[in-house]
């Protein structure tokens, strides 16, 4: 027999008499009886064990009514029982009916089997004291109440199962809807990225072909050549409106011949940072656009560089060079159409064609990353570390948790740039206000970061850059 109970601390092995008086219904189909336990073996007075028997929710419950604290007018705490009697104990209706027998006209015998933490196989005699009620009538009332309540309990359990199943189905449907929504979002983002890449590829191809058309002019790049650039770092650079799609910086240079009177060469060159295709992909992309094979540039020293030469266009060549893991350079070099084909190599300096070192500003770097394909920047966390209230200093701690060199750019009230080795971290002083923040690592297959954030004065922030899966 299974018994559900509160923790109990002692045991008892006695016959007891339960004098029963019905006290009415506690709830619909519930029965309650007032009882008293009396020792039938030693014939001595024992304290009350349980004073109330209740049939509720298809269980028979024995409990101690707090208003009965004495037996025969005396306090009774001295026989191993607490003054309040035994704790509440209950048994299922099935167990009660199975373990209860009619002892006599006014006595029922009920046995708690294997209930040693209260008493050893305790058996109780339930004496019916109410006039007009015998033990069989009492047992029948308990059976009737148990039967009715069991139907109710079964119905309640069925409702609970149905409710649990409904909630499970709702949760499953919500989970499925969430999965489907995320799948659609992923597909849409994938489609948009693919579309952006295709648009970028077409724009790049269009701009390369446009540069070749301008290079084929009798005076190369004359129609897109502006004034001499007085702000440039040397005397070879000219202003131009021509740009290759996706380039961070482009320049137009006039290269004097190595062997006069050979004509001067014009070089239109662009630098690309953090290209998703990398150097190898850029070489293949340019080759596909030109429909030409690449050739290693044996003149290039200390750099990996190839060139494309069109036999039908001997006055121009296209060079692609790997500056570092994250930077690629494309240069279109052209001679005036009056130059003889054999003079092309003579017109070039011994060094490979280069774009002069035009250092991009922080604003340029941020704008280049923002306008291209990028990932969301991890949000900066404000520290709880106190900073003197009189200070308006804003400090940013940046940690590089990638396996590559990291460059971070802050474009706002002040402009700051920071480069960190893998695993390194460093503090950077900023100013209160809104910043456009961008970052990139020295890996061609990793998207750069971009985001916008507002920082307060007298505050310290931290941000960790990592590469998501």
Protein backbone atom coordinates (compact mmCIF):
# COMPACT_ATOMS: atom_id res chain seq x y z
CA UNK A 1 0.00 0.00 0.00
CA UNK A 2 1.38 3.42 -0.92
CA UNK A 3 1.08 6.14 1.66
CA UNK A 4 1.80 9.85 1.17
CA UNK A 5 2.78 11.69 4.32
CA UNK A 6 4.73 14.36 6.09
CA UNK A 7 8.12 13.46 7.63
CA UNK A 8 7.64 11.51 10.83
CA UNK A 9 9.97 10.98 13.77
CA UNK A 10 8.72 8.12 15.83
CA UNK A 11 7.01 4.67 15.74
CA UNK A 12 4.15 2.92 17.55
CA UNK A 13 2.90 -0.70 17.47
CA UNK A 14 -0.43 -0.75 19.31
CA UNK A 15 -4.08 -1.51 18.78
CA UNK A 16 -6.12 1.64 18.99
CA UNK A 17 -9.82 2.37 18.94
CA UNK A 18 -11.11 5.17 16.69
CA UNK A 19 -14.39 6.45 18.08
CA UNK A 20 -16.11 8.01 15.05
CA UNK A 21 -18.71 10.77 14.88
CA UNK A 22 -19.63 12.22 11.41
CA UNK A 23 -19.25 16.00 11.38
CA UNK A 24 -20.63 16.78 7.94
CA UNK A 25 -19.24 17.46 4.46
CA UNK A 26 -16.19 19.68 4.02
CA UNK A 27 -16.86 19.96 0.28
CA UNK A 28 -18.94 18.31 -2.43
CA UNK A 29 -18.71 14.52 -1.98
CA UNK A 30 -16.21 14.91 0.89
CA UNK A 31 -16.87 13.08 4.17
CA UNK A 32 -15.37 13.97 7.56
CA UNK A 33 -15.56 12.06 10.86
CA UNK A 34 -14.39 13.02 14.32
CA UNK A 35 -12.30 10.20 15.86
CA UNK A 36 -10.37 9.34 19.03
CA UNK A 37 -7.63 6.70 19.47
CA UNK A 38 -7.67 4.56 22.64
CA UNK A 39 -5.22 1.80 23.60
CA UNK A 40 -7.05 -1.56 23.54
CA UNK A 41 -4.08 -3.72 24.58
CA UNK A 42 -2.79 -2.30 27.84
CA UNK A 43 -6.15 -0.87 28.84
CA UNK A 44 -4.36 2.34 29.81
CA UNK A 45 -5.13 5.82 28.69
CA UNK A 46 -3.06 6.96 25.70
CA UNK A 47 -3.14 10.39 24.16
CA UNK A 48 -5.16 11.10 21.08
CA UNK A 49 -3.40 9.92 17.91
CA UNK A 50 -5.77 11.27 15.21
CA UNK A 51 -8.98 13.10 15.77
CA UNK A 52 -10.31 13.49 12.24
CA UNK A 53 -10.94 11.10 9.34
CA UNK A 54 -11.70 12.75 5.98
CA UNK A 55 -12.50 11.28 2.57
CA UNK A 56 -11.40 13.81 -0.06
CA UNK A 57 -10.12 13.57 -3.64
CA UNK A 58 -10.33 9.76 -3.53
CA UNK A 59 -8.04 9.58 -0.50
CA UNK A 60 -8.69 8.77 3.17
CA UNK A 61 -6.92 11.31 5.37
CA UNK A 62 -6.15 10.92 9.09
CA UNK A 63 -5.34 14.18 10.86
CA UNK A 64 -5.27 15.71 14.29
CA UNK A 65 -7.90 18.34 15.04
CA UNK A 66 -6.15 21.05 17.08
CA UNK A 67 -9.20 21.64 19.29
CA UNK A 68 -8.75 18.17 20.91
CA UNK A 69 -5.59 18.48 22.99
CA UNK A 70 -6.45 16.32 25.99
CA UNK A 71 -7.92 12.92 26.75
CA UNK A 72 -10.15 12.54 29.76
CA UNK A 73 -9.35 16.15 30.66
CA UNK A 74 -5.60 15.61 31.00
CA UNK A 75 -2.64 16.82 28.93
CA UNK A 76 -0.95 13.80 27.35
CA UNK A 77 2.56 14.53 26.06
CA UNK A 78 4.41 11.77 27.90
CA UNK A 79 3.95 8.56 25.91
CA UNK A 80 6.27 9.24 22.96
CA UNK A 81 3.65 11.38 21.17
CA UNK A 82 3.72 15.13 20.83
CA UNK A 83 0.92 16.92 22.59
CA UNK A 84 -0.62 17.69 19.18
CA UNK A 85 -0.89 14.00 18.19
CA UNK A 86 0.59 12.38 15.07
CA UNK A 87 1.15 14.32 11.86
CA UNK A 88 -1.34 14.09 9.02
CA UNK A 89 -1.22 10.74 7.20
CA UNK A 90 -3.23 9.58 4.22
CA UNK A 91 -3.92 6.52 2.09
CA UNK A 92 -5.63 6.00 -1.24
CA UNK A 93 -9.26 4.92 -1.28
CA UNK A 94 -8.20 1.71 -3.00
CA UNK A 95 -5.78 0.85 -0.17
CA UNK A 96 -8.28 1.80 2.54
CA UNK A 97 -11.05 -0.35 1.10
CA UNK A 98 -8.66 -3.25 0.55
CA UNK A 99 -7.18 -3.08 4.07
CA UNK A 100 -10.46 -2.48 5.96
CA UNK A 101 -12.63 -5.27 7.36
CA UNK A 102 -15.79 -5.34 9.46
CA UNK A 103 -14.77 -6.43 12.93
CA UNK A 104 -18.20 -6.17 14.51
CA UNK A 105 -21.39 -4.20 14.20
CA UNK A 106 -19.70 -1.04 15.40
CA UNK A 107 -16.00 -1.68 14.68
CA UNK A 108 -13.98 -1.53 11.48
CA UNK A 109 -10.39 -2.75 11.39
CA UNK A 110 -7.96 -0.85 9.17
CA UNK A 111 -4.29 -1.82 8.82
CA UNK A 112 -1.45 0.44 7.72
CA UNK A 113 1.00 -2.07 6.21
CA UNK A 114 4.76 -1.28 6.12
CA UNK A 115 4.32 2.10 7.73
CA UNK A 116 7.15 1.67 10.22
CA UNK A 117 8.14 5.33 10.50
CA UNK A 118 4.87 5.89 12.43
CA UNK A 119 4.17 2.44 13.85
CA UNK A 120 4.89 -1.15 12.90
CA UNK A 121 2.02 -2.51 10.76
CA UNK A 122 -0.38 -0.41 12.81
CA UNK A 123 -3.91 -1.72 12.92
CA UNK A 124 -6.76 0.50 14.13
CA UNK A 125 -10.23 -0.37 15.28
CA UNK A 126 -12.68 2.25 14.06
CA UNK A 127 -15.59 2.28 16.47
CA UNK A 128 -18.82 3.85 15.31
CA UNK A 129 -20.41 5.75 18.19
CA UNK A 130 -23.11 7.69 16.36
CA UNK A 131 -26.60 6.44 17.06
CA UNK A 132 -28.21 4.74 14.12
CA UNK A 133 -24.95 4.08 12.21
CA UNK A 134 -23.07 0.82 12.18
CA UNK A 135 -19.69 -0.18 10.82
CA UNK A 136 -21.08 -1.50 7.55
CA UNK A 137 -22.95 1.76 6.93
CA UNK A 138 -19.78 3.75 7.63
CA UNK A 139 -17.70 1.61 5.30
CA UNK A 140 -20.38 1.90 2.61
CA UNK A 141 -20.40 5.69 2.95
CA UNK A 142 -16.63 5.74 2.53
CA UNK A 143 -16.89 3.42 -0.51
CA UNK A 144 -19.65 5.54 -2.06
CA UNK A 145 -17.70 8.75 -1.50
CA UNK A 146 -14.54 7.14 -2.84
CA UNK A 147 -16.36 5.92 -5.94
CA UNK A 148 -17.85 9.31 -6.70
CA UNK A 149 -14.61 11.11 -5.99
CA UNK A 150 -12.60 8.66 -8.09
CA UNK A 151 -14.80 9.52 -11.08
CA UNK A 152 -14.19 13.19 -10.37
CA UNK A 153 -10.46 12.60 -9.94
CA UNK A 154 -10.30 10.64 -13.19
CA UNK A 155 -12.18 13.44 -14.93
CA UNK A 156 -9.90 16.05 -13.38
CA UNK A 157 -6.82 14.04 -14.37
CA UNK A 158 -8.18 13.77 -17.92
CA UNK A 159 -8.74 17.52 -18.06
CA UNK A 160 -5.21 18.10 -16.74
CA UNK A 161 -3.78 15.71 -19.33
CA UNK A 162 -5.74 17.42 -22.09
CA UNK A 163 -4.61 20.84 -20.84
CA UNK A 164 -1.00 19.67 -20.66
CA UNK A 165 -1.31 18.25 -24.18
CA UNK A 166 -2.84 21.51 -25.41
CA UNK A 167 -0.01 23.52 -23.88
CA UNK A 168 2.53 21.08 -25.31
CA UNK A 169 1.02 21.45 -28.77
CA UNK A 170 0.91 25.23 -28.41
CA UNK A 171 4.56 25.28 -27.30
CA UNK A 172 5.49 22.95 -30.14
CA UNK A 173 3.59 25.11 -32.63
CA UNK A 174 5.26 28.23 -31.27
CA UNK A 175 8.65 26.55 -31.49
CA UNK A 176 7.94 25.42 -35.04
CA UNK A 177 6.77 28.92 -35.96
CA UNK A 178 9.92 30.39 -34.43
CA UNK A 179 12.09 27.91 -36.31
CA UNK A 180 10.23 28.68 -39.54
CA UNK A 181 10.54 32.43 -38.96
CA UNK A 182 14.26 32.09 -38.32
CA UNK A 183 14.62 29.88 -41.39
CA UNK A 184 12.83 32.44 -43.56
CA UNK A 185 14.93 35.24 -42.03
CA UNK A 186 18.11 33.27 -42.68
CA UNK A 187 17.05 32.56 -46.27
CA UNK A 188 16.16 36.21 -46.80
CA UNK A 189 19.46 37.39 -45.34
CA UNK A 190 21.30 34.80 -47.44
CA UNK A 191 19.42 35.97 -50.52
CA UNK A 192 20.18 39.61 -49.76
CA UNK A 193 23.86 38.86 -49.18
CA UNK A 194 24.01 36.88 -52.42
CA UNK A 195 22.24 39.72 -54.22
CA UNK A 196 24.61 42.29 -52.71
CA UNK A 197 27.60 40.20 -53.73
CA UNK A 198 26.25 39.77 -57.24
CA UNK A 199 25.55 43.49 -57.49
CA UNK A 200 29.04 44.20 -56.16
CA UNK A 201 30.53 41.75 -58.67
CA UNK A 202 28.67 43.36 -61.58
CA UNK A 203 29.58 46.86 -60.37
CA UNK A 204 33.23 45.80 -60.05
CA UNK A 205 33.23 44.28 -63.54
CA UNK A 206 31.57 47.40 -64.96
CA UNK A 207 34.12 49.69 -63.30
CA UNK A 208 37.09 47.56 -64.49
CA UNK A 209 35.83 47.64 -68.07
CA UNK A 210 35.27 51.40 -67.78
CA UNK A 211 38.86 51.87 -66.56
CA UNK A 212 40.10 49.87 -69.56
CA UNK A 213 38.10 52.07 -71.96
CA UNK A 214 39.64 55.17 -70.42
CA UNK A 215 43.08 53.55 -70.58
CA UNK A 216 42.60 52.97 -74.32
CA UNK A 217 42.12 56.67 -75.02
CA UNK A 218 44.88 58.18 -77.23
CA UNK A 219 46.00 60.10 -74.17
CA UNK A 220 45.29 57.54 -71.41
CA UNK A 221 42.64 58.58 -68.86
CA UNK A 222 42.46 62.08 -70.35
CA UNK A 223 38.65 62.26 -70.05
CA UNK A 224 38.69 61.38 -66.32
CA UNK A 225 41.92 63.18 -65.45
CA UNK A 226 41.52 66.23 -63.27
CA UNK A 227 43.98 68.80 -62.08
CA UNK A 228 47.38 68.06 -60.68
CA UNK A 229 46.91 67.04 -57.04
CA UNK A 230 48.72 69.65 -54.94
CA UNK A 231 47.76 67.78 -51.76
CA UNK A 232 49.43 64.53 -52.84
CA UNK A 233 52.60 63.19 -51.24
CA UNK A 234 54.62 63.38 -54.45
CA UNK A 235 54.58 65.14 -57.84
CA UNK A 236 53.16 62.23 -59.82
CA UNK A 237 49.53 62.21 -58.70
CA UNK A 238 46.57 63.73 -60.52
CA UNK A 239 42.99 64.06 -59.41
CA UNK A 240 40.43 61.75 -61.00
CA UNK A 241 36.73 61.01 -60.77
CA UNK A 242 37.30 57.38 -61.71
CA UNK A 243 36.79 54.74 -59.00
CA UNK A 244 36.72 50.95 -59.01
CA UNK A 245 33.65 49.59 -57.22
CA UNK A 246 34.49 48.43 -53.70
CA UNK A 247 37.89 50.17 -53.59
CA UNK A 248 38.98 52.02 -50.46
CA UNK A 249 41.23 54.45 -52.35
CA UNK A 250 42.08 55.14 -55.97
CA UNK A 251 44.71 57.37 -57.56
CA UNK A 252 45.95 58.38 -61.03
CA UNK A 253 49.73 58.68 -61.45
CA UNK A 254 52.00 59.79 -64.22
CA UNK A 255 55.13 57.65 -64.33
CA UNK A 256 58.10 59.15 -66.19
CA UNK A 257 59.89 56.72 -68.49
CA UNK A 258 62.95 54.84 -67.34
CA UNK A 259 64.50 55.26 -70.77
CA UNK A 260 63.81 58.61 -72.41
CA UNK A 261 62.57 59.44 -74.96
CA UNK A 262 60.07 56.65 -74.26
CA UNK A 263 56.62 58.05 -73.40
CA UNK A 264 55.38 58.43 -69.86
CA UNK A 265 53.00 55.81 -68.53
CA UNK A 266 49.76 56.53 -66.73
CA UNK A 267 48.80 54.28 -63.84
CA UNK A 268 45.30 54.12 -62.44
CA UNK A 269 45.53 52.15 -59.19
CA UNK A 270 43.13 51.23 -56.40
CA UNK A 271 43.56 49.59 -52.99
CA UNK A 272 41.01 47.14 -51.58
CA UNK A 273 40.85 46.31 -47.86
CA UNK A 274 39.19 43.22 -46.37
CA UNK A 275 37.93 41.86 -49.66
CA UNK A 276 35.76 38.79 -49.09
CA UNK A 277 37.38 37.19 -52.16
CA UNK A 278 40.96 37.79 -51.02
CA UNK A 279 43.91 38.13 -53.36
CA UNK A 280 43.40 34.81 -55.13
CA UNK A 281 39.70 35.51 -55.66
CA UNK A 282 40.48 38.99 -56.99
CA UNK A 283 42.96 37.57 -59.52
CA UNK A 284 40.38 35.05 -60.71
CA UNK A 285 37.66 37.70 -60.84
CA UNK A 286 39.79 40.09 -62.92
CA UNK A 287 40.82 37.23 -65.21
CA UNK A 288 37.16 36.31 -65.72
CA UNK A 289 36.22 39.90 -66.54
CA UNK A 290 39.12 40.32 -68.99
CA UNK A 291 38.85 36.74 -70.31
CA UNK A 292 42.64 36.54 -70.06
CA UNK A 293 45.08 34.32 -68.16
CA UNK A 294 47.33 35.91 -65.57
CA UNK A 295 51.12 35.93 -65.79
CA UNK A 296 53.51 36.17 -62.81
CA UNK A 297 55.29 39.52 -62.68
CA UNK A 298 58.94 38.53 -62.40
CA UNK A 299 59.97 42.14 -61.90
CA UNK A 300 58.02 42.35 -58.65
CA UNK A 301 60.38 41.89 -55.68
CA UNK A 302 59.11 41.14 -52.19
CA UNK A 303 55.50 41.07 -53.33
CA UNK A 304 53.15 38.60 -54.99
CA UNK A 305 51.99 40.28 -58.20
CA UNK A 306 50.54 39.12 -61.50
CA UNK A 307 49.53 40.94 -64.67
CA UNK A 308 47.13 40.51 -67.55
CA UNK A 309 48.27 41.40 -71.07
CA UNK A 310 45.84 41.55 -74.00
CA UNK A 311 47.73 40.93 -77.28
CA UNK A 312 45.19 43.12 -79.07
CA UNK A 313 45.86 45.98 -76.64
CA UNK A 314 49.66 46.14 -76.37
CA UNK A 315 49.63 49.66 -74.88
CA UNK A 316 48.08 48.62 -71.55
CA UNK A 317 48.35 46.02 -68.83
CA UNK A 318 46.41 45.22 -65.67
CA UNK A 319 48.33 44.35 -62.50
CA UNK A 320 46.97 42.69 -59.33
CA UNK A 321 49.18 42.63 -56.23
CA UNK A 322 48.88 41.16 -52.75
CA UNK A 323 49.94 43.83 -50.24
CA UNK A 324 49.10 41.72 -47.18
CA UNK A 325 46.49 39.17 -46.14
CA UNK A 326 43.75 41.79 -46.08
CA UNK A 327 44.86 44.27 -48.75
CA UNK A 328 44.89 43.89 -52.52
CA UNK A 329 45.93 46.42 -55.16
CA UNK A 330 44.71 46.65 -58.77
CA UNK A 331 46.54 48.88 -61.24
CA UNK A 332 45.80 49.62 -64.89
CA UNK A 333 48.94 50.88 -66.64
CA UNK A 334 48.64 52.47 -70.08
CA UNK A 335 50.91 54.13 -72.64
CA UNK A 336 49.83 56.66 -75.23
CA UNK A 337 48.61 55.00 -78.40
CA UNK A 338 51.56 56.53 -80.27
CA UNK A 339 54.00 54.32 -78.36
CA UNK A 340 55.37 51.28 -80.13
CA UNK A 341 54.43 47.93 -78.54
CA UNK A 342 58.07 47.04 -77.88
CA UNK A 343 58.45 50.21 -75.79
CA UNK A 344 55.93 49.17 -73.13
CA UNK A 345 58.41 47.53 -70.77
CA UNK A 346 60.95 50.28 -71.38
CA UNK A 347 58.42 52.88 -70.31
CA UNK A 348 58.07 51.38 -66.83
CA UNK A 349 60.34 51.92 -63.92
CA UNK A 350 62.19 48.82 -62.66
CA UNK A 351 59.73 48.65 -59.73
CA UNK A 352 56.18 47.33 -60.23
CA UNK A 353 53.46 49.97 -60.66
CA UNK A 354 52.31 51.34 -57.33
CA UNK A 355 49.66 53.59 -55.90
CA UNK A 356 51.39 56.26 -53.80
CA UNK A 357 50.88 55.86 -50.06
CA UNK A 358 47.68 57.80 -49.57
CA UNK A 359 46.76 56.99 -45.98
CA UNK A 360 42.99 56.68 -45.62
CA UNK A 361 41.43 58.71 -42.82
CA UNK A 362 39.44 57.10 -40.01
CA UNK A 363 36.30 58.51 -41.62
CA UNK A 364 37.28 56.94 -44.96
CA UNK A 365 37.95 53.58 -43.31
CA UNK A 366 34.62 53.59 -41.44
CA UNK A 367 32.67 54.69 -44.49
CA UNK A 368 34.25 52.00 -46.67
CA UNK A 369 33.27 49.29 -44.19
CA UNK A 370 29.79 50.74 -43.59
CA UNK A 371 28.99 50.89 -47.31
CA UNK A 372 30.11 47.31 -47.93
CA UNK A 373 28.98 43.93 -46.63
CA UNK A 374 29.64 43.80 -42.91
CA UNK A 375 28.63 42.11 -39.67
CA UNK A 376 27.13 43.82 -36.63
CA UNK A 377 29.68 45.08 -34.16
CA UNK A 378 29.52 43.52 -30.66
CA UNK A 379 27.97 46.09 -28.27
CA UNK A 380 30.20 47.85 -25.80
CA UNK A 381 29.47 47.17 -22.11
CA UNK A 382 29.55 50.01 -19.61
CA UNK A 383 31.65 49.24 -16.57
CA UNK A 384 30.45 49.74 -13.01
CA UNK A 385 33.95 50.93 -12.09
CA UNK A 386 33.69 54.42 -10.68
CA UNK A 387 35.33 57.38 -12.40
CA UNK A 388 35.74 60.79 -10.68
CA UNK A 389 32.64 62.88 -11.26
CA UNK A 390 34.73 65.92 -12.20
CA UNK A 391 36.20 64.01 -15.14
CA UNK A 392 34.44 63.85 -18.49
CA UNK A 393 36.89 61.28 -19.77
CA UNK A 394 35.41 58.37 -21.72
CA UNK A 395 37.60 55.27 -21.76
CA UNK A 396 37.14 52.27 -24.02
CA UNK A 397 38.89 48.96 -23.38
CA UNK A 398 39.16 46.93 -26.58
CA UNK A 399 40.02 43.23 -26.58
CA UNK A 400 40.94 41.25 -29.67
CA UNK A 401 39.57 37.72 -29.18
CA UNK A 402 40.18 36.75 -32.80
CA UNK A 403 43.12 34.82 -34.21
CA UNK A 404 44.07 37.73 -36.48
CA UNK A 405 45.42 41.25 -36.27
CA UNK A 406 42.52 43.61 -35.54
CA UNK A 407 42.08 47.24 -36.60
CA UNK A 408 39.30 49.30 -34.97
CA UNK A 409 38.17 52.78 -36.06
CA UNK A 410 36.11 55.28 -34.01
CA UNK A 411 34.60 58.12 -36.09
CA UNK A 412 32.82 60.72 -33.95
CA UNK A 413 33.56 63.74 -31.78
CA UNK A 414 37.18 62.54 -31.97
CA UNK A 415 38.73 60.12 -34.45
CA UNK A 416 40.73 57.20 -33.13
CA UNK A 417 42.33 54.14 -34.67
CA UNK A 418 43.74 51.13 -32.84
CA UNK A 419 45.51 48.01 -34.11
CA UNK A 420 45.77 44.97 -31.83
CA UNK A 421 47.57 41.67 -32.12
CA UNK A 422 45.56 38.46 -31.53
CA UNK A 423 44.58 38.14 -27.84
CA UNK A 424 45.75 41.68 -26.96
CA UNK A 425 43.69 44.40 -25.28
CA UNK A 426 44.23 48.12 -24.81
CA UNK A 427 42.52 51.23 -23.44
CA UNK A 428 41.59 54.07 -25.78
CA UNK A 429 40.61 57.60 -24.77
CA UNK A 430 37.45 58.90 -26.46
CA UNK A 431 35.04 61.78 -25.88
CA UNK A 432 31.35 61.68 -24.92
CA UNK A 433 29.02 61.47 -27.91
CA UNK A 434 27.90 59.27 -30.77
CA UNK A 435 30.46 57.29 -32.75
CA UNK A 436 30.40 55.22 -35.89
CA UNK A 437 32.60 52.25 -35.04
CA UNK A 438 34.14 49.84 -37.54
CA UNK A 439 36.69 47.09 -37.36
CA UNK A 440 38.36 44.51 -39.55
CA UNK A 441 40.79 41.66 -39.15
CA UNK A 442 43.63 40.64 -41.41
CA UNK A 443 41.70 37.75 -42.94
CA UNK A 444 40.04 37.91 -46.32
CA UNK A 445 37.27 35.44 -45.43
CA UNK A 446 36.02 37.38 -42.37
CA UNK A 447 33.44 40.16 -42.73
CA UNK A 448 34.36 43.50 -41.15
CA UNK A 449 32.37 44.89 -38.19
CA UNK A 450 30.27 48.06 -38.12
CA UNK A 451 27.91 49.72 -35.65
CA UNK A 452 26.86 53.04 -34.10
CA UNK A 453 27.02 53.71 -30.37
CA UNK A 454 26.66 56.62 -27.95
CA UNK A 455 29.08 56.93 -25.03
CA UNK A 456 28.61 58.99 -21.87
CA UNK A 457 31.19 61.16 -20.18
CA UNK A 458 32.91 60.04 -16.96
CA UNK A 459 32.36 56.44 -18.04
CA UNK A 460 34.39 53.37 -18.86
CA UNK A 461 33.36 50.86 -21.54
CA UNK A 462 34.69 47.59 -22.84
CA UNK A 463 34.15 45.69 -26.07
CA UNK A 464 35.41 42.31 -27.21
CA UNK A 465 35.77 41.48 -30.89
CA UNK A 466 35.37 37.86 -31.88
CA UNK A 467 34.53 35.87 -34.98
CA UNK A 468 31.09 34.23 -34.94
CA UNK A 469 30.44 30.76 -36.30
